[in-house]
């Protein structure tokens, strides 16, 4: 087409303005923020990790910031896909656009499948059960906790249960 100039925007520009694309669909199809599930990259998770989260801040993520500003809420549901931190001297905005390193490629492929599975779990089970299932798979018991999470015993500070810190200070030979 003569006389027309085509300007290609970098993909980052569109991702940073995702609220403009999502808002009309959100208003047409969603009753509230709990009806919107956003899948996004997350620098705070290791490459390939997948976690579910209800609401929260933007963590510096421009796409989430755009959604929050355009929708007027941050209470939407999230499937976070870890990309890890950029190497020193690399701009995070550029880092998320780079292809994964050969060592991370397998983790990213698995994360893509896990994110799809998580979306299916949300549809089948509801968000809270899917989040519990998905995020529990990612946790391992702390080595200093024999039960992994909670110790049930009388405790002063908590009125019926004791924390791990309190538990470590008690003598195991005491009757509970």
Protein backbone atom coordinates (compact mmCIF):
# COMPACT_ATOMS: atom_id res chain seq x y z
CA UNK A 1 0.00 0.00 0.00
CA UNK A 2 1.67 3.13 -1.18
CA UNK A 3 1.84 6.11 1.09
CA UNK A 4 1.06 4.11 4.24
CA UNK A 5 3.64 3.59 6.85
CA UNK A 6 3.42 0.60 9.15
CA UNK A 7 4.76 1.01 12.66
CA UNK A 8 5.44 -2.14 14.62
CA UNK A 9 5.36 -1.76 18.37
CA UNK A 10 7.54 -3.93 20.52
CA UNK A 11 5.64 -6.76 22.22
CA UNK A 12 6.50 -5.21 25.59
CA UNK A 13 4.35 -2.21 24.74
CA UNK A 14 1.25 -4.36 24.27
CA UNK A 15 1.89 -6.40 27.38
CA UNK A 16 2.32 -3.21 29.39
CA UNK A 17 -1.10 -2.04 28.19
CA UNK A 18 -2.93 -5.31 28.77
CA UNK A 19 -5.63 -3.57 30.80
CA UNK A 20 -6.95 -1.86 27.65
CA UNK A 21 -7.35 -5.22 25.91
CA UNK A 22 -8.81 -7.08 28.90
CA UNK A 23 -11.20 -4.42 30.28
CA UNK A 24 -13.92 -4.70 27.58
CA UNK A 25 -13.96 -8.51 27.90
CA UNK A 26 -13.93 -8.27 31.68
CA UNK A 27 -16.90 -5.90 31.72
CA UNK A 28 -18.85 -8.03 29.25
CA UNK A 29 -18.20 -11.51 30.68
CA UNK A 30 -17.20 -11.18 34.35
CA UNK A 31 -19.38 -10.43 37.34
CA UNK A 32 -16.38 -9.55 39.47
CA UNK A 33 -12.59 -9.86 39.75
CA UNK A 34 -12.88 -13.48 40.96
CA UNK A 35 -14.06 -14.36 37.44
CA UNK A 36 -10.80 -13.21 35.84
CA UNK A 37 -7.73 -15.48 35.82
CA UNK A 38 -4.51 -13.85 34.62
CA UNK A 39 -1.47 -15.93 33.67
CA UNK A 40 1.72 -13.89 33.97
CA UNK A 41 5.47 -14.16 34.30
CA UNK A 42 6.99 -13.59 37.73
CA UNK A 43 10.60 -12.62 38.41
CA UNK A 44 10.26 -13.64 42.07
CA UNK A 45 9.73 -17.32 41.28
CA UNK A 46 12.45 -19.64 39.99
CA UNK A 47 12.30 -20.55 36.30
CA UNK A 48 9.46 -22.96 35.64
CA UNK A 49 7.72 -22.65 39.03
CA UNK A 50 3.94 -22.18 38.91
CA UNK A 51 1.91 -20.75 41.80
CA UNK A 52 -1.65 -19.55 42.17
CA UNK A 53 -2.49 -16.34 43.98
CA UNK A 54 -5.62 -14.36 44.76
CA UNK A 55 -5.14 -10.61 44.28
CA UNK A 56 -2.09 -8.73 45.46
CA UNK A 57 0.22 -6.04 44.24
CA UNK A 58 1.90 -5.60 40.91
CA UNK A 59 5.46 -6.41 42.00
CA UNK A 60 6.66 -3.93 39.39
CA UNK A 61 4.92 -5.89 36.62
CA UNK A 62 3.67 -3.32 34.12
CA UNK A 63 1.00 -5.60 32.65
CA UNK A 64 -0.49 -6.23 36.10
CA UNK A 65 -0.27 -2.51 36.85
CA UNK A 66 -2.22 -1.79 33.65
CA UNK A 67 -4.88 -4.34 34.57
CA UNK A 68 -5.20 -2.98 38.09
CA UNK A 69 -5.50 0.62 36.92
CA UNK A 70 -7.94 -0.13 34.11
CA UNK A 71 -10.16 -2.52 36.08
CA UNK A 72 -10.00 -0.53 39.30
CA UNK A 73 -9.08 -3.62 41.32
CA UNK A 74 -6.19 -5.97 41.95
CA UNK A 75 -8.43 -8.74 43.32
CA UNK A 76 -8.33 -10.84 40.14
CA UNK A 77 -6.93 -14.38 40.26
CA UNK A 78 -3.42 -15.15 39.10
CA UNK A 79 -1.41 -18.04 37.76
CA UNK A 80 2.18 -16.96 38.28
CA UNK A 81 4.85 -18.55 36.08
CA UNK A 82 8.40 -18.15 37.35
CA UNK A 83 11.08 -16.77 35.07
CA UNK A 84 13.71 -16.10 37.75
CA UNK A 85 15.82 -12.99 38.20
CA UNK A 86 17.82 -11.48 35.34
CA UNK A 87 21.60 -11.64 35.45
CA UNK A 88 23.37 -8.57 36.82
CA UNK A 89 23.22 -5.66 34.41
CA UNK A 90 20.26 -6.98 32.41
CA UNK A 91 17.09 -4.86 32.47
CA UNK A 92 14.17 -6.96 33.80
CA UNK A 93 11.87 -5.54 31.10
CA UNK A 94 14.24 -6.85 28.43
CA UNK A 95 15.01 -10.10 30.30
CA UNK A 96 11.39 -11.31 30.19
CA UNK A 97 11.41 -11.00 26.39
CA UNK A 98 14.54 -13.10 25.91
CA UNK A 99 14.22 -16.78 25.02
CA UNK A 100 15.02 -19.08 27.95
CA UNK A 101 18.55 -20.38 28.30
CA UNK A 102 19.05 -23.95 27.10
CA UNK A 103 19.30 -25.02 30.74
CA UNK A 104 15.94 -23.44 31.58
CA UNK A 105 14.06 -24.43 28.41
CA UNK A 106 12.76 -27.71 29.84
CA UNK A 107 11.56 -25.97 33.01
CA UNK A 108 9.64 -23.42 30.93
CA UNK A 109 8.01 -26.11 28.82
CA UNK A 110 6.91 -27.92 31.98
CA UNK A 111 5.68 -24.62 33.44
CA UNK A 112 3.52 -24.01 30.37
CA UNK A 113 1.88 -27.40 30.82
CA UNK A 114 1.53 -26.83 34.58
CA UNK A 115 -0.11 -23.42 34.01
CA UNK A 116 -2.63 -25.07 31.65
CA UNK A 117 -3.28 -27.79 34.23
CA UNK A 118 -3.76 -25.12 36.90
CA UNK A 119 -6.33 -23.33 34.73
CA UNK A 120 -8.16 -26.64 34.28
CA UNK A 121 -8.06 -27.24 38.04
CA UNK A 122 -9.55 -23.78 38.62
CA UNK A 123 -12.40 -24.56 36.22
CA UNK A 124 -13.07 -27.99 37.77
CA UNK A 125 -12.39 -27.42 41.46
CA UNK A 126 -12.70 -23.69 42.03
CA UNK A 127 -9.83 -21.35 42.73
CA UNK A 128 -9.23 -22.03 46.43
CA UNK A 129 -9.01 -25.82 46.04
CA UNK A 130 -6.84 -25.46 42.93
CA UNK A 131 -4.55 -23.03 44.75
CA UNK A 132 -4.24 -25.34 47.75
CA UNK A 133 -3.48 -28.31 45.51
CA UNK A 134 -1.02 -26.52 43.22
CA UNK A 135 0.85 -24.52 45.86
CA UNK A 136 1.03 -27.47 48.28
CA UNK A 137 2.83 -29.54 45.62
CA UNK A 138 5.51 -26.88 45.52
CA UNK A 139 6.18 -26.84 49.27
CA UNK A 140 8.38 -29.22 51.15
CA UNK A 141 8.48 -29.52 54.94
CA UNK A 142 11.16 -27.48 56.67
CA UNK A 143 13.95 -29.73 57.93
CA UNK A 144 13.65 -28.31 61.46
CA UNK A 145 9.94 -29.17 61.71
CA UNK A 146 9.10 -32.83 62.34
CA UNK A 147 5.48 -32.43 61.19
CA UNK A 148 6.16 -30.04 58.36
CA UNK A 149 3.72 -27.35 59.40
CA UNK A 150 1.86 -27.21 62.70
CA UNK A 151 2.53 -28.69 66.10
CA UNK A 152 -0.53 -29.00 68.29
CA UNK A 153 0.19 -28.57 71.95
CA UNK A 154 -0.58 -26.09 74.70
CA UNK A 155 1.29 -22.84 74.17
CA UNK A 156 1.41 -19.55 76.03
CA UNK A 157 1.56 -17.11 73.12
CA UNK A 158 -0.97 -18.73 70.84
CA UNK A 159 -3.53 -19.98 73.32
CA UNK A 160 -3.60 -23.62 72.33
CA UNK A 161 -0.89 -24.30 69.81
CA UNK A 162 2.78 -23.53 69.78
CA UNK A 163 4.96 -22.14 67.06
CA UNK A 164 8.01 -23.88 65.67
CA UNK A 165 10.19 -21.48 67.64
CA UNK A 166 8.35 -22.30 70.88
CA UNK A 167 8.50 -26.01 70.06
CA UNK A 168 12.29 -25.94 69.68
CA UNK A 169 12.67 -24.43 73.12
CA UNK A 170 10.68 -27.18 74.87
CA UNK A 171 12.20 -30.36 76.17
CA UNK A 172 10.85 -33.36 74.26
CA UNK A 173 10.68 -35.40 77.46
CA UNK A 174 7.96 -33.16 78.93
CA UNK A 175 4.43 -34.46 78.90
CA UNK A 176 2.07 -32.46 76.75
